[in-house]
Amino acid sequence: MAGKKRPWILVTVAAVAVLAALAAIFGPQIYAQSQAPAPAPLSVASSSPTASGAPSSPATSNATDDGAWNVASASQAGYRIREVLNGADVTVVGRTEKVTGSATVSGTRLTEAKIDVDVASIATDSGNRDNFFRGNVMNADTFPTASFTLSEPVTIPALSSAPAAVEAKGTLELAGQKRDVTAKLQVVRDGAKVSVSGTIDLVLADFGITAPDLGFVKVEDKGSVEFLVNLEKAG
């Protein structure tokens, strides 16, 4: 009787092995295809009046802009990077609205600026990924803040609701490491508010960060910091 049952046992084991092999081959692709599309990069262009078809407001003088400006509500910052899960690529985007900072304008130049981001509040669509990012990657308990500090004055063009391109050199601090970077910015004005979006390309190893490699999922070493900051005149 036991001898007659043995072929069925072998068939069952073989079927399980085949299913496991299929899951290993097609599972990552199914996972990647099941993910919602990554949100578009943060950009002033997507929220400016001209994006909805309204006419662009005339460029305004910088004469009354002298002085201190502060980061206002609805500002965002975070990161964009790719995961590779057994050959299936997934773009991961993490963001937070816990962004603070200030800037100083003198004439037609931005002379000082510093933006701080609360690392522990950056979130993606996965709590497990976020916990690993905060603890194992960014060591947020020891280095709770990431920041960008302007290192050279920037000439500010006359601003309107049409995005103006600006490059700003500064120092990016991540996980306690500082590196010189160049931020590619887009700037618009909406009444008394000025909004700035931008990206900073980075290599994790430059900041002493080892790209996670857990076997079943590997994170690329290159990514970007992205932000959308709203500024209001102090006082």
C-alpha atoms as a PDB file:
ATOM      1  CA  MET A   1       0.000   0.000   0.000  1.00  0.00           C
ATOM      2  CA  ALA A   2       2.826   2.383   0.922  1.00  0.00           C
ATOM      3  CA  GLY A   3       4.532   1.537  -2.390  1.00  0.00           C
ATOM      4  CA  LYS A   4       1.443   2.539  -4.364  1.00  0.00           C
ATOM      5  CA  LYS A   5       1.235   5.915  -2.623  1.00  0.00           C
ATOM      6  CA  ARG A   6       4.860   6.789  -3.267  1.00  0.00           C
ATOM      7  CA  PRO A   7       4.360   7.973  -6.893  1.00  0.00           C
ATOM      8  CA  TRP A   8       1.684  10.420  -5.737  1.00  0.00           C
ATOM      9  CA  ILE A   9       4.074  11.803  -3.148  1.00  0.00           C
ATOM     10  CA  LEU A  10       6.734  12.295  -5.823  1.00  0.00           C
ATOM     11  CA  VAL A  11       4.227  14.036  -8.108  1.00  0.00           C
ATOM     12  CA  THR A  12       3.178  16.370  -5.279  1.00  0.00           C
ATOM     13  CA  VAL A  13       6.780  17.238  -4.420  1.00  0.00           C
ATOM     14  CA  ALA A  14       7.538  17.874  -8.091  1.00  0.00           C
ATOM     15  CA  ALA A  15       4.481  20.121  -8.442  1.00  0.00           C
ATOM     16  CA  VAL A  16       5.482  22.154  -5.401  1.00  0.00           C
ATOM     17  CA  ALA A  17       9.012  22.503  -6.779  1.00  0.00           C
ATOM     18  CA  VAL A  18       7.668  23.710 -10.148  1.00  0.00           C
ATOM     19  CA  LEU A  19       5.371  26.254  -8.464  1.00  0.00           C
ATOM     20  CA  ALA A  20       8.260  27.517  -6.338  1.00  0.00           C
ATOM     21  CA  ALA A  21      10.421  27.908  -9.441  1.00  0.00           C
ATOM     22  CA  LEU A  22       7.658  29.784 -11.278  1.00  0.00           C
ATOM     23  CA  ALA A  23       7.162  32.078  -8.279  1.00  0.00           C
ATOM     24  CA  ALA A  24      10.893  32.831  -8.184  1.00  0.00           C
ATOM     25  CA  ILE A  25      10.903  33.640 -11.909  1.00  0.00           C
ATOM     26  CA  PHE A  26       7.619  35.498 -12.343  1.00  0.00           C
ATOM     27  CA  GLY A  27       6.951  36.718  -8.781  1.00  0.00           C
ATOM     28  CA  PRO A  28       9.220  39.785  -9.012  1.00  0.00           C
ATOM     29  CA  GLN A  29       7.660  40.787 -12.348  1.00  0.00           C
ATOM     30  CA  ILE A  30       4.164  40.451 -10.907  1.00  0.00           C
ATOM     31  CA  TYR A  31       5.243  42.446  -7.848  1.00  0.00           C
ATOM     32  CA  ALA A  32       6.696  45.231 -10.015  1.00  0.00           C
ATOM     33  CA  GLN A  33       3.614  45.354 -12.253  1.00  0.00           C
ATOM     34  CA  SER A  34       1.282  45.448  -9.234  1.00  0.00           C
ATOM     35  CA  GLN A  35       2.894  48.581  -7.793  1.00  0.00           C
ATOM     36  CA  ALA A  36       1.203  51.930  -8.329  1.00  0.00           C
ATOM     37  CA  PRO A  37       3.216  54.200 -10.646  1.00  0.00           C
ATOM     38  CA  ALA A  38       5.780  56.276  -8.782  1.00  0.00           C
ATOM     39  CA  PRO A  39       4.633  59.878  -8.298  1.00  0.00           C
ATOM     40  CA  ALA A  40       6.141  62.441 -10.637  1.00  0.00           C
ATOM     41  CA  PRO A  41       9.083  64.472  -9.316  1.00  0.00           C
ATOM     42  CA  LEU A  42       8.112  67.438  -7.149  1.00  0.00           C
ATOM     43  CA  SER A  43       7.833  70.458  -9.409  1.00  0.00           C
ATOM     44  CA  VAL A  44       6.512  74.019  -9.291  1.00  0.00           C
ATOM     45  CA  ALA A  45       5.491  73.574 -12.929  1.00  0.00           C
ATOM     46  CA  SER A  46       2.751  71.091 -12.003  1.00  0.00           C
ATOM     47  CA  SER A  47       1.100  73.509  -9.572  1.00  0.00           C
ATOM     48  CA  SER A  48       1.815  76.898 -11.157  1.00  0.00           C
ATOM     49  CA  PRO A  49      -1.077  78.910 -12.662  1.00  0.00           C
ATOM     50  CA  THR A  50       0.284  78.459 -16.192  1.00  0.00           C
ATOM     51  CA  ALA A  51      -0.026  74.686 -15.829  1.00  0.00           C
ATOM     52  CA  SER A  52      -3.821  75.025 -15.705  1.00  0.00           C
ATOM     53  CA  GLY A  53      -3.948  77.295 -18.739  1.00  0.00           C
ATOM     54  CA  ALA A  54      -4.112  80.650 -16.939  1.00  0.00           C
ATOM     55  CA  PRO A  55      -2.006  83.429 -18.467  1.00  0.00           C
ATOM     56  CA  SER A  56       1.404  83.966 -16.967  1.00  0.00           C
ATOM     57  CA  SER A  57       1.623  86.877 -14.555  1.00  0.00           C
ATOM     58  CA  PRO A  58       4.181  89.562 -15.442  1.00  0.00           C
ATOM     59  CA  ALA A  59       7.663  89.254 -14.013  1.00  0.00           C
ATOM     60  CA  THR A  60       8.067  91.224 -10.806  1.00  0.00           C
ATOM     61  CA  SER A  61      10.914  93.270  -9.469  1.00  0.00           C
ATOM     62  CA  ASN A  62      13.002  91.992  -6.591  1.00  0.00           C
ATOM     63  CA  ALA A  63      13.154  95.451  -4.996  1.00  0.00           C
ATOM     64  CA  THR A  64      10.792  94.604  -2.119  1.00  0.00           C
ATOM     65  CA  ASP A  65      12.154  91.119  -1.568  1.00  0.00           C
ATOM     66  CA  ASP A  66      15.144  92.134   0.568  1.00  0.00           C
ATOM     67  CA  GLY A  67      15.356  90.443   3.926  1.00  0.00           C
ATOM     68  CA  ALA A  68      14.517  87.101   5.513  1.00  0.00           C
ATOM     69  CA  TRP A  69      12.182  84.456   4.089  1.00  0.00           C
ATOM     70  CA  ASN A  70      10.901  81.341   5.864  1.00  0.00           C
ATOM     71  CA  VAL A  71       9.802  77.926   4.643  1.00  0.00           C
ATOM     72  CA  ALA A  72       5.998  77.840   4.687  1.00  0.00           C
ATOM     73  CA  SER A  73       3.373  75.080   4.911  1.00  0.00           C
ATOM     74  CA  ALA A  74       2.815  72.454   2.202  1.00  0.00           C
ATOM     75  CA  SER A  75       6.550  72.200   1.516  1.00  0.00           C
ATOM     76  CA  GLN A  76       7.824  68.690   0.772  1.00  0.00           C
ATOM     77  CA  ALA A  77      11.128  66.887   0.432  1.00  0.00           C
ATOM     78  CA  GLY A  78      12.338  63.333   0.019  1.00  0.00           C
ATOM     79  CA  TYR A  79      14.199  60.916  -2.196  1.00  0.00           C
ATOM     80  CA  ARG A  80      13.815  58.907  -5.397  1.00  0.00           C
ATOM     81  CA  ILE A  81      15.760  55.695  -6.030  1.00  0.00           C
ATOM     82  CA  ARG A  82      15.383  52.351  -7.800  1.00  0.00           C
ATOM     83  CA  GLU A  83      15.019  48.902  -6.271  1.00  0.00           C
ATOM     84  CA  VAL A  84      15.857  45.781  -8.255  1.00  0.00           C
ATOM     85  CA  LEU A  85      13.970  42.667  -7.158  1.00  0.00           C
ATOM     86  CA  ASN A  86      15.414  39.688  -9.059  1.00  0.00           C
ATOM     87  CA  GLY A  87      15.588  41.737 -12.240  1.00  0.00           C
ATOM     88  CA  ALA A  88      12.304  43.628 -11.769  1.00  0.00           C
ATOM     89  CA  ASP A  89      12.845  47.373 -11.395  1.00  0.00           C
ATOM     90  CA  VAL A  90      10.687  49.431  -9.022  1.00  0.00           C
ATOM     91  CA  THR A  91      11.073  53.187  -8.513  1.00  0.00           C
ATOM     92  CA  VAL A  92      10.783  54.063  -4.832  1.00  0.00           C
ATOM     93  CA  VAL A  93       9.768  57.557  -3.714  1.00  0.00           C
ATOM     94  CA  GLY A  94       9.809  58.702  -0.082  1.00  0.00           C
ATOM     95  CA  ARG A  95       8.495  62.084   1.065  1.00  0.00           C
ATOM     96  CA  THR A  96       7.737  64.205   4.106  1.00  0.00           C
ATOM     97  CA  GLU A  97       6.156  67.591   4.784  1.00  0.00           C
ATOM     98  CA  LYS A  98       8.320  68.118   7.871  1.00  0.00           C
ATOM     99  CA  VAL A  99      10.527  70.680   6.154  1.00  0.00           C
ATOM    100  CA  THR A 100      11.869  73.849   7.790  1.00  0.00           C
ATOM    101  CA  GLY A 101      14.370  76.515   6.890  1.00  0.00           C
ATOM    102  CA  SER A 102      15.042  80.092   5.895  1.00  0.00           C
ATOM    103  CA  ALA A 103      16.625  82.234   3.204  1.00  0.00           C
ATOM    104  CA  THR A 104      17.999  85.759   2.898  1.00  0.00           C
ATOM    105  CA  VAL A 105      17.631  88.008  -0.149  1.00  0.00           C
ATOM    106  CA  SER A 106      19.730  91.092  -0.853  1.00  0.00           C
ATOM    107  CA  GLY A 107      18.892  93.003  -4.008  1.00  0.00           C
ATOM    108  CA  THR A 108      18.780  90.516  -6.867  1.00  0.00           C
ATOM    109  CA  ARG A 109      20.740  87.841  -5.010  1.00  0.00           C
ATOM    110  CA  LEU A 110      19.929  84.985  -2.688  1.00  0.00           C
ATOM    111  CA  THR A 111      22.789  85.295  -0.223  1.00  0.00           C
ATOM    112  CA  GLU A 112      21.904  82.643   2.376  1.00  0.00           C
ATOM    113  CA  ALA A 113      19.637  79.611   2.519  1.00  0.00           C
ATOM    114  CA  LYS A 114      19.288  76.485   4.643  1.00  0.00           C
ATOM    115  CA  ILE A 115      16.646  73.782   4.323  1.00  0.00           C
ATOM    116  CA  ASP A 116      16.227  71.064   6.989  1.00  0.00           C
ATOM    117  CA  VAL A 117      14.290  67.821   6.542  1.00  0.00           C
ATOM    118  CA  ASP A 118      13.108  65.464   9.294  1.00  0.00           C
ATOM    119  CA  VAL A 119      14.542  62.114   8.157  1.00  0.00           C
ATOM    120  CA  ALA A 120      12.469  59.888  10.454  1.00  0.00           C
ATOM    121  CA  SER A 121       9.202  61.155   8.938  1.00  0.00           C
ATOM    122  CA  ILE A 122      10.105  60.326   5.314  1.00  0.00           C
ATOM    123  CA  ALA A 123       7.638  57.673   4.176  1.00  0.00           C
ATOM    124  CA  THR A 124       7.072  55.449   1.132  1.00  0.00           C
ATOM    125  CA  ASP A 125       4.269  52.969   0.459  1.00  0.00           C
ATOM    126  CA  SER A 126       5.904  50.353   2.721  1.00  0.00           C
ATOM    127  CA  GLY A 127       6.278  50.596   6.486  1.00  0.00           C
ATOM    128  CA  ASN A 128       8.877  47.807   6.531  1.00  0.00           C
ATOM    129  CA  ARG A 129      10.976  49.621   3.949  1.00  0.00           C
ATOM    130  CA  ASP A 130      10.659  52.884   5.903  1.00  0.00           C
ATOM    131  CA  ASN A 131      11.782  51.287   9.167  1.00  0.00           C
ATOM    132  CA  PHE A 132      14.830  49.791   7.434  1.00  0.00           C
ATOM    133  CA  PHE A 133      15.614  53.135   5.760  1.00  0.00           C
ATOM    134  CA  ARG A 134      15.408  55.092   9.020  1.00  0.00           C
ATOM    135  CA  GLY A 135      17.331  52.624  11.155  1.00  0.00           C
ATOM    136  CA  ASN A 136      19.787  50.741   8.942  1.00  0.00           C
ATOM    137  CA  VAL A 137      20.405  53.219   6.126  1.00  0.00           C
ATOM    138  CA  MET A 138      20.087  56.748   7.532  1.00  0.00           C
ATOM    139  CA  ASN A 139      20.659  56.047  11.252  1.00  0.00           C
ATOM    140  CA  ALA A 140      17.950  58.608  11.981  1.00  0.00           C
ATOM    141  CA  ASP A 141      18.231  58.263  15.768  1.00  0.00           C
ATOM    142  CA  THR A 142      21.763  59.679  15.596  1.00  0.00           C
ATOM    143  CA  PHE A 143      21.318  61.915  12.545  1.00  0.00           C
ATOM    144  CA  PRO A 144      17.657  63.003  12.588  1.00  0.00           C
ATOM    145  CA  THR A 145      18.056  65.846  10.079  1.00  0.00           C
ATOM    146  CA  ALA A 146      19.159  66.067   6.470  1.00  0.00           C
ATOM    147  CA  SER A 147      19.970  69.544   5.189  1.00  0.00           C
ATOM    148  CA  PHE A 148      21.004  71.670   2.227  1.00  0.00           C
ATOM    149  CA  THR A 149      22.995  74.853   2.900  1.00  0.00           C
ATOM    150  CA  LEU A 150      23.720  77.390   0.172  1.00  0.00           C
ATOM    151  CA  SER A 151      27.463  77.943  -0.237  1.00  0.00           C
ATOM    152  CA  GLU A 152      27.519  80.668  -2.917  1.00  0.00           C
ATOM    153  CA  PRO A 153      25.153  83.584  -3.629  1.00  0.00           C
ATOM    154  CA  VAL A 154      22.676  83.023  -6.455  1.00  0.00           C
ATOM    155  CA  THR A 155      21.360  85.665  -8.844  1.00  0.00           C
ATOM    156  CA  ILE A 156      17.559  85.665  -8.758  1.00  0.00           C
ATOM    157  CA  PRO A 157      15.790  86.319 -12.069  1.00  0.00           C
ATOM    158  CA  ALA A 158      12.660  88.463 -12.219  1.00  0.00           C
ATOM    159  CA  LEU A 159       9.931  86.038 -11.151  1.00  0.00           C
ATOM    160  CA  SER A 160       6.479  85.253 -12.516  1.00  0.00           C
ATOM    161  CA  SER A 161       4.166  82.244 -12.631  1.00  0.00           C
ATOM    162  CA  ALA A 162       6.345  80.821 -15.415  1.00  0.00           C
ATOM    163  CA  PRO A 163       9.137  78.676 -13.894  1.00  0.00           C
ATOM    164  CA  ALA A 164      12.614  80.196 -14.036  1.00  0.00           C
ATOM    165  CA  ALA A 165      15.636  77.868 -14.019  1.00  0.00           C
ATOM    166  CA  VAL A 166      18.389  78.490 -11.471  1.00  0.00           C
ATOM    167  CA  GLU A 167      21.399  76.480 -10.275  1.00  0.00           C
ATOM    168  CA  ALA A 168      22.519  76.713  -6.662  1.00  0.00           C
ATOM    169  CA  LYS A 169      25.768  75.381  -5.220  1.00  0.00           C
ATOM    170  CA  GLY A 170      25.683  74.201  -1.649  1.00  0.00           C
ATOM    171  CA  THR A 171      26.441  71.548   0.928  1.00  0.00           C
ATOM    172  CA  LEU A 172      24.201  68.504   1.320  1.00  0.00           C
ATOM    173  CA  GLU A 173      24.329  66.688   4.665  1.00  0.00           C
ATOM    174  CA  LEU A 174      23.033  63.119   4.924  1.00  0.00           C
ATOM    175  CA  ALA A 175      23.651  60.629   7.724  1.00  0.00           C
ATOM    176  CA  GLY A 176      26.236  62.936   9.269  1.00  0.00           C
ATOM    177  CA  GLN A 177      28.286  63.282   6.069  1.00  0.00           C
ATOM    178  CA  LYS A 178      28.635  66.553   4.121  1.00  0.00           C
ATOM    179  CA  ARG A 179      29.342  66.881   0.395  1.00  0.00           C
ATOM    180  CA  ASP A 180      29.393  69.754  -2.090  1.00  0.00           C
ATOM    181  CA  VAL A 181      26.497  69.524  -4.556  1.00  0.00           C
ATOM    182  CA  THR A 182      24.654  71.547  -7.181  1.00  0.00           C
ATOM    183  CA  ALA A 183      20.868  71.835  -6.943  1.00  0.00           C
ATOM    184  CA  LYS A 184      18.918  72.320 -10.168  1.00  0.00           C
ATOM    185  CA  LEU A 185      16.014  74.630  -9.294  1.00  0.00           C
ATOM    186  CA  GLN A 186      12.769  75.918 -10.780  1.00  0.00           C
ATOM    187  CA  VAL A 187      11.348  79.087  -9.186  1.00  0.00           C
ATOM    188  CA  VAL A 188       7.913  80.724  -9.500  1.00  0.00           C
ATOM    189  CA  ARG A 189       6.049  83.536  -7.774  1.00  0.00           C
ATOM    190  CA  ASP A 190       2.371  83.522  -6.807  1.00  0.00           C
ATOM    191  CA  GLY A 191       1.587  86.871  -5.233  1.00  0.00           C
ATOM    192  CA  ALA A 192       3.616  87.185  -2.048  1.00  0.00           C
ATOM    193  CA  LYS A 193       4.660  83.534  -2.096  1.00  0.00           C
ATOM    194  CA  VAL A 194       7.711  82.162  -3.885  1.00  0.00           C
ATOM    195  CA  SER A 195       7.958  78.430  -4.569  1.00  0.00           C
ATOM    196  CA  VAL A 196      11.124  76.539  -5.404  1.00  0.00           C
ATOM    197  CA  SER A 197      11.387  72.956  -6.620  1.00  0.00           C
ATOM    198  CA  GLY A 198      14.537  71.068  -7.399  1.00  0.00           C
ATOM    199  CA  THR A 199      16.592  67.910  -7.502  1.00  0.00           C
ATOM    200  CA  ILE A 200      20.065  66.973  -6.320  1.00  0.00           C
ATOM    201  CA  ASP A 201      21.659  63.886  -7.858  1.00  0.00           C
ATOM    202  CA  LEU A 202      23.653  61.792  -5.419  1.00  0.00           C
ATOM    203  CA  VAL A 203      25.681  58.633  -4.989  1.00  0.00           C
ATOM    204  CA  LEU A 204      24.983  56.910  -1.658  1.00  0.00           C
ATOM    205  CA  ALA A 205      28.601  55.822  -1.202  1.00  0.00           C
ATOM    206  CA  ASP A 206      29.708  59.469  -1.283  1.00  0.00           C
ATOM    207  CA  PHE A 207      27.857  59.912   2.028  1.00  0.00           C
ATOM    208  CA  GLY A 208      29.164  56.723   3.597  1.00  0.00           C
ATOM    209  CA  ILE A 209      25.862  54.955   2.935  1.00  0.00           C
ATOM    210  CA  THR A 210      25.950  51.356   1.724  1.00  0.00           C
ATOM    211  CA  ALA A 211      23.166  50.636  -0.740  1.00  0.00           C
ATOM    212  CA  PRO A 212      20.994  47.903   0.826  1.00  0.00           C
ATOM    213  CA  ASP A 213      21.383  44.444  -0.708  1.00  0.00           C
ATOM    214  CA  LEU A 214      19.129  41.896   0.976  1.00  0.00           C
ATOM    215  CA  GLY A 215      19.561  39.196  -1.634  1.00  0.00           C
ATOM    216  CA  PHE A 216      15.975  39.201  -2.885  1.00  0.00           C
ATOM    217  CA  VAL A 217      16.028  42.980  -3.301  1.00  0.00           C
ATOM    218  CA  LYS A 218      18.888  45.329  -4.125  1.00  0.00           C
ATOM    219  CA  VAL A 219      18.856  49.122  -4.010  1.00  0.00           C
ATOM    220  CA  GLU A 220      20.852  51.056  -6.596  1.00  0.00           C
ATOM    221  CA  ASP A 221      23.705  53.222  -5.342  1.00  0.00           C
ATOM    222  CA  LYS A 222      22.556  56.285  -7.305  1.00  0.00           C
ATOM    223  CA  GLY A 223      19.424  58.312  -6.608  1.00  0.00           C
ATOM    224  CA  SER A 224      18.238  61.853  -6.077  1.00  0.00           C
ATOM    225  CA  VAL A 225      16.947  64.205  -3.421  1.00  0.00           C
ATOM    226  CA  GLU A 226      13.885  66.177  -4.506  1.00  0.00           C
ATOM    227  CA  PHE A 227      11.979  69.010  -2.890  1.00  0.00           C
ATOM    228  CA  LEU A 228       9.237  71.611  -3.320  1.00  0.00           C
ATOM    229  CA  VAL A 229       9.641  74.507  -0.900  1.00  0.00           C
ATOM    230  CA  ASN A 230       7.209  77.385  -0.398  1.00  0.00           C
ATOM    231  CA  LEU A 231       8.760  80.592   0.927  1.00  0.00           C
ATOM    232  CA  GLU A 232       7.044  83.528   2.608  1.00  0.00           C
ATOM    233  CA  LYS A 233       8.572  86.861   3.652  1.00  0.00           C
ATOM    234  CA  ALA A 234       9.350  86.929   7.366  1.00  0.00           C
ATOM    235  CA  GLY A 235       7.493  89.433   9.518  1.00  0.00           C
END
